[in-house]
All heavy atoms as atom14 arrays in JSON, in Angstrom:
{
  "sequence": "MVVDIPLPLAAIPGAAAPKRLLAALREFYAGSEVVS",
  "atom14_mask": [
    [1, 1, 1, 1, 1, 1, 1, 1, 0, 0, 0, 0, 0, 0],
    [1, 1, 1, 1, 1, 1, 1, 0, 0, 0, 0, 0, 0, 0],
    [1, 1, 1, 1, 1, 1, 1, 0, 0, 0, 0, 0, 0, 0],
    [1, 1, 1, 1, 1, 1, 1, 1, 0, 0, 0, 0, 0, 0],
    [1, 1, 1, 1, 1, 1, 1, 1, 0, 0, 0, 0, 0, 0],
    [1, 1, 1, 1, 1, 1, 1, 0, 0, 0, 0, 0, 0, 0],
    [1, 1, 1, 1, 1, 1, 1, 1, 0, 0, 0, 0, 0, 0],
    [1, 1, 1, 1, 1, 1, 1, 0, 0, 0, 0, 0, 0, 0],
    [1, 1, 1, 1, 1, 1, 1, 1, 0, 0, 0, 0, 0, 0],
    [1, 1, 1, 1, 1, 0, 0, 0, 0, 0, 0, 0, 0, 0],
    [1, 1, 1, 1, 1, 0, 0, 0, 0, 0, 0, 0, 0, 0],
    [1, 1, 1, 1, 1, 1, 1, 1, 0, 0, 0, 0, 0, 0],
    [1, 1, 1, 1, 1, 1, 1, 0, 0, 0, 0, 0, 0, 0],
    [1, 1, 1, 1, 0, 0, 0, 0, 0, 0, 0, 0, 0, 0],
    [1, 1, 1, 1, 1, 0, 0, 0, 0, 0, 0, 0, 0, 0],
    [1, 1, 1, 1, 1, 0, 0, 0, 0, 0, 0, 0, 0, 0],
    [1, 1, 1, 1, 1, 0, 0, 0, 0, 0, 0, 0, 0, 0],
    [1, 1, 1, 1, 1, 1, 1, 0, 0, 0, 0, 0, 0, 0],
    [1, 1, 1, 1, 1, 1, 1, 1, 1, 0, 0, 0, 0, 0],
    [1, 1, 1, 1, 1, 1, 1, 1, 1, 1, 1, 0, 0, 0],
    [1, 1, 1, 1, 1, 1, 1, 1, 0, 0, 0, 0, 0, 0],
    [1, 1, 1, 1, 1, 1, 1, 1, 0, 0, 0, 0, 0, 0],
    [1, 1, 1, 1, 1, 0, 0, 0, 0, 0, 0, 0, 0, 0],
    [1, 1, 1, 1, 1, 0, 0, 0, 0, 0, 0, 0, 0, 0],
    [1, 1, 1, 1, 1, 1, 1, 1, 0, 0, 0, 0, 0, 0],
    [1, 1, 1, 1, 1, 1, 1, 1, 1, 1, 1, 0, 0, 0],
    [1, 1, 1, 1, 1, 1, 1, 1, 1, 0, 0, 0, 0, 0],
    [1, 1, 1, 1, 1, 1, 1, 1, 1, 1, 1, 0, 0, 0],
    [1, 1, 1, 1, 1, 1, 1, 1, 1, 1, 1, 1, 0, 0],
    [1, 1, 1, 1, 1, 0, 0, 0, 0, 0, 0, 0, 0, 0],
    [1, 1, 1, 1, 0, 0, 0, 0, 0, 0, 0, 0, 0, 0],
    [1, 1, 1, 1, 1, 1, 0, 0, 0, 0, 0, 0, 0, 0],
    [1, 1, 1, 1, 1, 1, 1, 1, 1, 0, 0, 0, 0, 0],
    [1, 1, 1, 1, 1, 1, 1, 0, 0, 0, 0, 0, 0, 0],
    [1, 1, 1, 1, 1, 1, 1, 0, 0, 0, 0, 0, 0, 0],
    [1, 1, 1, 1, 1, 1, 0, 0, 0, 0, 0, 0, 0, 0]
  ],
  "atom14_positions": [
    [[0.98, 7.27, 21.09], [2.31, 6.71, 20.85], [2.45, 6.33, 19.38], [1.5, 5.83, 18.76], [2.52, 5.47, 21.73], [3.8, 4.71, 21.49], [4.09, 3.47, 22.77], [4.67, 4.52, 24.1], [0.0, 0.0, 0.0], [0.0, 0.0, 0.0], [0.0, 0.0, 0.0], [0.0, 0.0, 0.0], [0.0, 0.0, 0.0], [0.0, 0.0, 0.0]],
    [[3.65, 6.56, 18.85], [4.01, 6.1, 17.51], [5.33, 5.36, 17.62], [6.3, 5.89, 18.17], [4.13, 7.27, 16.5], [4.54, 6.73, 15.13], [2.82, 8.05, 16.41], [0.0, 0.0, 0.0], [0.0, 0.0, 0.0], [0.0, 0.0, 0.0], [0.0, 0.0, 0.0], [0.0, 0.0, 0.0], [0.0, 0.0, 0.0], [0.0, 0.0, 0.0]],
    [[5.36, 4.14, 17.11], [6.57, 3.31, 17.11], [6.94, 3.04, 15.66], [6.12, 2.57, 14.87], [6.35, 1.98, 17.86], [7.6, 1.12, 17.83], [5.92, 2.25, 19.3], [0.0, 0.0, 0.0], [0.0, 0.0, 0.0], [0.0, 0.0, 0.0], [0.0, 0.0, 0.0], [0.0, 0.0, 0.0], [0.0, 0.0, 0.0], [0.0, 0.0, 0.0]],
    [[8.19, 3.34, 15.29], [8.62, 3.34, 13.88], [9.89, 2.51, 13.74], [10.91, 2.8, 14.37], [8.86, 4.8, 13.48], [9.19, 4.99, 12.0], [9.52, 4.01, 11.32], [9.12, 6.14, 11.55], [0.0, 0.0, 0.0], [0.0, 0.0, 0.0], [0.0, 0.0, 0.0], [0.0, 0.0, 0.0], [0.0, 0.0, 0.0], [0.0, 0.0, 0.0]],
    [[9.82, 1.46, 12.92], [10.99, 0.61, 12.65], [11.43, 0.84, 11.21], [10.76, 0.4, 10.26], [10.66, -0.89, 12.84], [10.07, -1.14, 14.23], [11.91, -1.74, 12.63], [9.57, -2.57, 14.43], [0.0, 0.0, 0.0], [0.0, 0.0, 0.0], [0.0, 0.0, 0.0], [0.0, 0.0, 0.0], [0.0, 0.0, 0.0], [0.0, 0.0, 0.0]],
    [[12.54, 1.55, 10.98], [13.02, 1.77, 9.61], [13.74, 0.54, 9.09], [14.5, -0.1, 9.81], [13.97, 2.96, 9.77], [14.45, 2.89, 11.17], [13.35, 2.28, 11.98], [0.0, 0.0, 0.0], [0.0, 0.0, 0.0], [0.0, 0.0, 0.0], [0.0, 0.0, 0.0], [0.0, 0.0, 0.0], [0.0, 0.0, 0.0], [0.0, 0.0, 0.0]],
    [[13.47, 0.22, 7.83], [14.06, -0.98, 7.22], [14.77, -0.63, 5.91], [14.11, -0.3, 4.92], [12.97, -2.02, 6.93], [12.19, -2.58, 8.11], [11.07, -3.49, 7.61], [13.1, -3.34, 9.08], [0.0, 0.0, 0.0], [0.0, 0.0, 0.0], [0.0, 0.0, 0.0], [0.0, 0.0, 0.0], [0.0, 0.0, 0.0], [0.0, 0.0, 0.0]],
    [[16.1, -0.72, 5.86], [16.81, -0.59, 4.58], [16.75, -1.94, 3.85], [17.72, -2.7, 3.83], [18.23, -0.23, 5.02], [18.38, -0.89, 6.36], [17.02, -0.88, 7.0], [0.0, 0.0, 0.0], [0.0, 0.0, 0.0], [0.0, 0.0, 0.0], [0.0, 0.0, 0.0], [0.0, 0.0, 0.0], [0.0, 0.0, 0.0], [0.0, 0.0, 0.0]],
    [[15.62, -2.24, 3.26], [15.35, -3.59, 2.75], [16.4, -4.07, 1.75], [16.74, -5.26, 1.72], [13.96, -3.63, 2.1], [12.78, -3.46, 3.06], [11.47, -3.38, 2.28], [12.73, -4.61, 4.07], [0.0, 0.0, 0.0], [0.0, 0.0, 0.0], [0.0, 0.0, 0.0], [0.0, 0.0, 0.0], [0.0, 0.0, 0.0], [0.0, 0.0, 0.0]],
    [[16.91, -3.17, 0.91], [17.9, -3.58, -0.09], [19.17, -4.1, 0.55], [19.92, -4.86, -0.08], [18.22, -2.4, -1.01], [0.0, 0.0, 0.0], [0.0, 0.0, 0.0], [0.0, 0.0, 0.0], [0.0, 0.0, 0.0], [0.0, 0.0, 0.0], [0.0, 0.0, 0.0], [0.0, 0.0, 0.0], [0.0, 0.0, 0.0], [0.0, 0.0, 0.0]],
    [[19.42, -3.72, 1.79], [20.63, -4.15, 2.47], [20.41, -5.32, 3.42], [21.37, -5.88, 3.95], [21.22, -2.97, 3.27], [0.0, 0.0, 0.0], [0.0, 0.0, 0.0], [0.0, 0.0, 0.0], [0.0, 0.0, 0.0], [0.0, 0.0, 0.0], [0.0, 0.0, 0.0], [0.0, 0.0, 0.0], [0.0, 0.0, 0.0], [0.0, 0.0, 0.0]],
    [[19.16, -5.71, 3.64], [18.84, -6.77, 4.61], [18.76, -8.1, 3.88], [17.86, -8.31, 3.05], [17.52, -6.48, 5.33], [17.6, -5.16, 6.09], [17.19, -7.62, 6.31], [16.3, -4.76, 6.78], [0.0, 0.0, 0.0], [0.0, 0.0, 0.0], [0.0, 0.0, 0.0], [0.0, 0.0, 0.0], [0.0, 0.0, 0.0], [0.0, 0.0, 0.0]],
    [[19.65, -9.03, 4.15], [19.62, -10.33, 3.46], [18.31, -11.07, 3.71], [17.87, -11.22, 4.85], [20.8, -11.09, 4.08], [21.7, -10.03, 4.63], [20.79, -8.93, 5.09], [0.0, 0.0, 0.0], [0.0, 0.0, 0.0], [0.0, 0.0, 0.0], [0.0, 0.0, 0.0], [0.0, 0.0, 0.0], [0.0, 0.0, 0.0], [0.0, 0.0, 0.0]],
    [[17.68, -11.5, 2.63], [16.48, -12.31, 2.75], [15.21, -11.56, 3.09], [14.17, -12.18, 3.33], [0.0, 0.0, 0.0], [0.0, 0.0, 0.0], [0.0, 0.0, 0.0], [0.0, 0.0, 0.0], [0.0, 0.0, 0.0], [0.0, 0.0, 0.0], [0.0, 0.0, 0.0], [0.0, 0.0, 0.0], [0.0, 0.0, 0.0], [0.0, 0.0, 0.0]],
    [[15.25, -10.23, 3.13], [14.06, -9.45, 3.48], [13.01, -9.52, 2.38], [13.33, -9.44, 1.19], [14.43, -8.0, 3.75], [0.0, 0.0, 0.0], [0.0, 0.0, 0.0], [0.0, 0.0, 0.0], [0.0, 0.0, 0.0], [0.0, 0.0, 0.0], [0.0, 0.0, 0.0], [0.0, 0.0, 0.0], [0.0, 0.0, 0.0], [0.0, 0.0, 0.0]],
    [[11.77, -9.65, 2.77], [10.67, -9.67, 1.8], [10.34, -8.26, 1.34], [10.7, -7.27, 1.98], [9.44, -10.32, 2.43], [0.0, 0.0, 0.0], [0.0, 0.0, 0.0], [0.0, 0.0, 0.0], [0.0, 0.0, 0.0], [0.0, 0.0, 0.0], [0.0, 0.0, 0.0], [0.0, 0.0, 0.0], [0.0, 0.0, 0.0], [0.0, 0.0, 0.0]],
    [[9.63, -8.17, 0.24], [9.2, -6.88, -0.3], [8.14, -6.26, 0.59], [7.43, -6.96, 1.31], [8.66, -7.08, -1.71], [0.0, 0.0, 0.0], [0.0, 0.0, 0.0], [0.0, 0.0, 0.0], [0.0, 0.0, 0.0], [0.0, 0.0, 0.0], [0.0, 0.0, 0.0], [0.0, 0.0, 0.0], [0.0, 0.0, 0.0], [0.0, 0.0, 0.0]],
    [[8.01, -4.93, 0.55], [7.03, -4.25, 1.41], [5.61, -4.8, 1.29], [4.92, -4.96, 2.3], [7.11, -2.8, 0.94], [8.49, -2.65, 0.41], [8.82, -3.96, -0.22], [0.0, 0.0, 0.0], [0.0, 0.0, 0.0], [0.0, 0.0, 0.0], [0.0, 0.0, 0.0], [0.0, 0.0, 0.0], [0.0, 0.0, 0.0], [0.0, 0.0, 0.0]],
    [[5.16, -5.08, 0.08], [3.8, -5.59, -0.08], [3.63, -6.96, 0.58], [2.55, -7.27, 1.1], [3.43, -5.65, -1.56], [3.19, -4.28, -2.18], [2.62, -4.39, -3.59], [2.31, -3.0, -4.15], [1.72, -3.06, -5.5], [0.0, 0.0, 0.0], [0.0, 0.0, 0.0], [0.0, 0.0, 0.0], [0.0, 0.0, 0.0], [0.0, 0.0, 0.0]],
    [[4.68, -7.75, 0.58], [4.61, -9.06, 1.25], [4.58, -8.88, 2.77], [3.87, -9.61, 3.47], [5.82, -9.92, 0.84], [5.83, -11.31, 1.46], [4.69, -12.16, 0.91], [4.6, -13.44, 1.58], [3.76, -13.68, 2.6], [2.95, -12.72, 3.04], [3.71, -14.87, 3.16], [0.0, 0.0, 0.0], [0.0, 0.0, 0.0], [0.0, 0.0, 0.0]],
    [[5.33, -7.91, 3.27], [5.3, -7.64, 4.71], [3.9, -7.19, 5.14], [3.37, -7.66, 6.15], [6.32, -6.55, 5.06], [7.8, -6.85, 4.75], [8.66, -5.66, 5.11], [8.28, -8.11, 5.46], [0.0, 0.0, 0.0], [0.0, 0.0, 0.0], [0.0, 0.0, 0.0], [0.0, 0.0, 0.0], [0.0, 0.0, 0.0], [0.0, 0.0, 0.0]],
    [[3.32, -6.3, 4.34], [1.97, -5.82, 4.66], [0.96, -6.96, 4.6], [0.11, -7.1, 5.51], [1.58, -4.72, 3.67], [0.17, -4.17, 3.82], [-0.01, -3.48, 5.16], [-0.16, -3.2, 2.68], [0.0, 0.0, 0.0], [0.0, 0.0, 0.0], [0.0, 0.0, 0.0], [0.0, 0.0, 0.0], [0.0, 0.0, 0.0], [0.0, 0.0, 0.0]],
    [[1.04, -7.78, 3.57], [0.1, -8.89, 3.44], [0.22, -9.85, 4.62], [-0.79, -10.37, 5.12], [0.34, -9.62, 2.13], [0.0, 0.0, 0.0], [0.0, 0.0, 0.0], [0.0, 0.0, 0.0], [0.0, 0.0, 0.0], [0.0, 0.0, 0.0], [0.0, 0.0, 0.0], [0.0, 0.0, 0.0], [0.0, 0.0, 0.0], [0.0, 0.0, 0.0]],
    [[1.45, -10.08, 5.07], [1.66, -11.0, 6.2], [1.05, -10.45, 7.48], [0.44, -11.18, 8.27], [3.15, -11.26, 6.39], [0.0, 0.0, 0.0], [0.0, 0.0, 0.0], [0.0, 0.0, 0.0], [0.0, 0.0, 0.0], [0.0, 0.0, 0.0], [0.0, 0.0, 0.0], [0.0, 0.0, 0.0], [0.0, 0.0, 0.0], [0.0, 0.0, 0.0]],
    [[1.19, -9.15, 7.7], [0.59, -8.54, 8.89], [-0.93, -8.59, 8.81], [-1.61, -8.89, 9.81], [1.06, -7.1, 9.05], [2.53, -6.91, 9.45], [2.91, -5.43, 9.41], [2.81, -7.49, 10.83], [0.0, 0.0, 0.0], [0.0, 0.0, 0.0], [0.0, 0.0, 0.0], [0.0, 0.0, 0.0], [0.0, 0.0, 0.0], [0.0, 0.0, 0.0]],
    [[-1.48, -8.31, 7.64], [-2.94, -8.36, 7.49], [-3.46, -9.77, 7.72], [-4.51, -9.97, 8.35], [-3.34, -7.85, 6.1], [-3.09, -6.35, 5.92], [-3.47, -5.88, 4.52], [-4.89, -5.99, 4.28], [-5.79, -5.08, 4.67], [-5.39, -3.99, 5.3], [-7.06, -5.23, 4.41], [0.0, 0.0, 0.0], [0.0, 0.0, 0.0], [0.0, 0.0, 0.0]],
    [[-2.73, -10.75, 7.24], [-3.14, -12.15, 7.45], [-3.03, -12.54, 8.93], [-3.91, -13.21, 9.48], [-2.27, -13.07, 6.6], [-2.61, -14.55, 6.73], [-1.73, -15.43, 5.87], [-0.91, -14.9, 5.09], [-1.85, -16.67, 5.98], [0.0, 0.0, 0.0], [0.0, 0.0, 0.0], [0.0, 0.0, 0.0], [0.0, 0.0, 0.0], [0.0, 0.0, 0.0]],
    [[-1.95, -12.13, 9.57], [-1.71, -12.52, 10.96], [-2.79, -11.97, 11.88], [-3.24, -12.66, 12.81], [-0.33, -12.03, 11.41], [0.08, -12.52, 12.77], [0.72, -13.74, 12.91], [-0.17, -11.76, 13.91], [1.09, -14.21, 14.16], [0.2, -12.22, 15.17], [0.83, -13.44, 15.29], [0.0, 0.0, 0.0], [0.0, 0.0, 0.0], [0.0, 0.0, 0.0]],
    [[-3.22, -10.73, 11.64], [-4.19, -10.09, 12.54], [-5.61, -10.12, 11.99], [-6.49, -9.43, 12.53], [-3.76, -8.65, 12.81], [-2.48, -8.56, 13.6], [-1.29, -8.11, 12.99], [-2.42, -8.95, 14.93], [-0.11, -8.03, 13.71], [-1.23, -8.88, 15.65], [-0.08, -8.42, 15.03], [1.1, -8.35, 15.74], [0.0, 0.0, 0.0], [0.0, 0.0, 0.0]],
    [[-5.85, -10.9, 10.97], [-7.19, -10.99, 10.4], [-8.19, -11.4, 11.48], [-7.98, -12.35, 12.22], [-7.21, -12.01, 9.26], [0.0, 0.0, 0.0], [0.0, 0.0, 0.0], [0.0, 0.0, 0.0], [0.0, 0.0, 0.0], [0.0, 0.0, 0.0], [0.0, 0.0, 0.0], [0.0, 0.0, 0.0], [0.0, 0.0, 0.0], [0.0, 0.0, 0.0]],
    [[-9.28, -10.67, 11.56], [-10.32, -10.99, 12.53], [-10.13, -10.35, 13.89], [-11.03, -10.42, 14.73], [0.0, 0.0, 0.0], [0.0, 0.0, 0.0], [0.0, 0.0, 0.0], [0.0, 0.0, 0.0], [0.0, 0.0, 0.0], [0.0, 0.0, 0.0], [0.0, 0.0, 0.0], [0.0, 0.0, 0.0], [0.0, 0.0, 0.0], [0.0, 0.0, 0.0]],
    [[-8.99, -9.74, 14.13], [-8.76, -9.11, 15.43], [-9.6, -7.84, 15.57], [-9.67, -7.03, 14.65], [-7.28, -8.75, 15.61], [-7.09, -8.01, 16.81], [0.0, 0.0, 0.0], [0.0, 0.0, 0.0], [0.0, 0.0, 0.0], [0.0, 0.0, 0.0], [0.0, 0.0, 0.0], [0.0, 0.0, 0.0], [0.0, 0.0, 0.0], [0.0, 0.0, 0.0]],
    [[-10.22, -7.68, 16.73], [-10.97, -6.46, 17.01], [-10.09, -5.39, 17.63], [-10.52, -4.25, 17.79], [-12.14, -6.77, 17.94], [-13.19, -7.7, 17.36], [-14.34, -7.92, 18.31], [-15.06, -6.95, 18.61], [-14.51, -9.07, 18.76], [0.0, 0.0, 0.0], [0.0, 0.0, 0.0], [0.0, 0.0, 0.0], [0.0, 0.0, 0.0], [0.0, 0.0, 0.0]],
    [[-8.87, -5.76, 18.0], [-7.97, -4.84, 18.69], [-6.89, -4.31, 17.76], [-6.55, -3.13, 17.79], [-7.34, -5.53, 19.92], [-6.32, -4.62, 20.59], [-8.42, -5.95, 20.91], [0.0, 0.0, 0.0], [0.0, 0.0, 0.0], [0.0, 0.0, 0.0], [0.0, 0.0, 0.0], [0.0, 0.0, 0.0], [0.0, 0.0, 0.0], [0.0, 0.0, 0.0]],
    [[-6.34, -5.18, 16.92], [-5.25, -4.81, 16.03], [-5.78, -4.65, 14.61], [-6.41, -5.56, 14.07], [-4.12, -5.86, 16.03], [-2.95, -5.39, 15.16], [-3.65, -6.14, 17.46], [0.0, 0.0, 0.0], [0.0, 0.0, 0.0], [0.0, 0.0, 0.0], [0.0, 0.0, 0.0], [0.0, 0.0, 0.0], [0.0, 0.0, 0.0], [0.0, 0.0, 0.0]],
    [[-5.51, -3.5, 14.01], [-5.9, -3.27, 12.62], [-4.65, -2.97, 11.8], [-3.65, -2.47, 12.32], [-6.9, -2.11, 12.51], [-6.32, -0.9, 12.98], [0.0, 0.0, 0.0], [0.0, 0.0, 0.0], [0.0, 0.0, 0.0], [0.0, 0.0, 0.0], [0.0, 0.0, 0.0], [0.0, 0.0, 0.0], [0.0, 0.0, 0.0], [0.0, 0.0, 0.0]]
  ]
}
């Protein structure tokens, strides 16, 4: 399965930059053996 959420970030009020989104996901799942 592949699940894809497209984000037009320039049009989304208050949206964080891609690198911040990635960093937040890495922090949230840090240490998980199931989610990478």
